[in-house]
């Protein structure tokens, strides 16, 4: 709910972490650019990691994440 709509496009990339579970990746569209696999989330993590469910992580050069209205 905190990610601005229209900036994420589903990717076919997935990875699996033995402690967390399967990660779903997203392409990020921002500033007229596309950043492939620059975001990921654990939609259905293992029970021990449920606090991560639905959170989105970002990691790519050229992407700035703003938290509470300030650059982060």
Protein backbone atom coordinates (compact mmCIF):
# COMPACT_ATOMS: atom_id res chain seq x y z
CA UNK A 1 0.00 0.00 0.00
CA UNK A 2 2.96 2.38 0.41
CA UNK A 3 4.35 1.88 -3.11
CA UNK A 4 3.01 4.34 -5.68
CA UNK A 5 0.78 2.50 -8.16
CA UNK A 6 2.05 2.03 -11.69
CA UNK A 7 5.76 1.86 -10.87
CA UNK A 8 6.10 -1.92 -10.51
CA UNK A 9 5.77 -4.49 -13.28
CA UNK A 10 5.94 -8.22 -12.46
CA UNK A 11 9.14 -9.99 -13.52
CA UNK A 12 9.55 -13.67 -14.32
CA UNK A 13 12.56 -13.79 -11.95
CA UNK A 14 12.21 -15.70 -8.68
CA UNK A 15 14.69 -16.81 -6.05
CA UNK A 16 14.39 -18.94 -2.95
CA UNK A 17 15.98 -18.28 0.41
CA UNK A 18 16.12 -21.36 2.66
CA UNK A 19 15.12 -19.31 5.73
CA UNK A 20 12.56 -16.91 4.23
CA UNK A 21 11.04 -18.65 1.20
CA UNK A 22 10.37 -17.65 -2.42
CA UNK A 23 10.92 -14.08 -3.56
CA UNK A 24 8.92 -12.43 -6.35
CA UNK A 25 10.75 -9.79 -8.41
CA UNK A 26 9.50 -6.61 -10.05
CA UNK A 27 10.79 -4.25 -12.72
CA UNK A 28 10.67 -0.65 -11.51
CA UNK A 29 9.51 2.15 -13.80
CA UNK A 30 10.65 5.57 -12.56
CA UNK A 31 11.87 8.78 -14.15
CA UNK A 32 11.19 7.44 -17.63
CA UNK A 33 13.53 4.48 -17.04
CA UNK A 34 12.98 0.77 -16.45
CA UNK A 35 15.11 -0.95 -13.82
CA UNK A 36 14.96 -4.72 -14.29
CA UNK A 37 14.45 -6.83 -11.16
CA UNK A 38 15.09 -3.79 -8.96
CA UNK A 39 12.45 -4.70 -6.39
CA UNK A 40 11.44 -7.93 -4.70
CA UNK A 41 9.05 -9.16 -2.06
CA UNK A 42 8.18 -12.32 -0.17
CA UNK A 43 4.45 -12.73 -0.75
CA UNK A 44 4.15 -15.99 1.21
CA UNK A 45 7.28 -16.39 3.37
CA UNK A 46 7.88 -19.28 5.73
CA UNK A 47 6.00 -19.06 9.03
CA UNK A 48 9.14 -17.88 10.86
CA UNK A 49 9.45 -14.88 8.51
CA UNK A 50 5.78 -13.82 8.19
CA UNK A 51 6.62 -10.28 9.36
CA UNK A 52 8.23 -9.81 5.90
CA UNK A 53 5.06 -10.74 3.98
CA UNK A 54 4.12 -8.07 1.48
CA UNK A 55 7.08 -5.78 2.18
CA UNK A 56 8.97 -4.55 -0.89
CA UNK A 57 12.77 -4.11 -1.05
CA UNK A 58 14.50 -1.96 -3.66
CA UNK A 59 18.07 -2.19 -4.88
CA UNK A 60 19.28 -0.50 -8.06
CA UNK A 61 21.51 2.39 -9.07
CA UNK A 62 19.35 5.34 -10.04
CA UNK A 63 16.44 4.59 -7.71
CA UNK A 64 15.79 6.81 -4.70
CA UNK A 65 13.36 5.56 -2.07
CA UNK A 66 11.43 8.12 -0.05
CA UNK A 67 10.19 7.21 3.40
CA UNK A 68 7.67 9.46 5.11
CA UNK A 69 8.31 12.16 2.52
CA UNK A 70 12.09 12.35 2.99
CA UNK A 71 14.81 10.70 0.85
CA UNK A 72 15.96 7.40 2.31
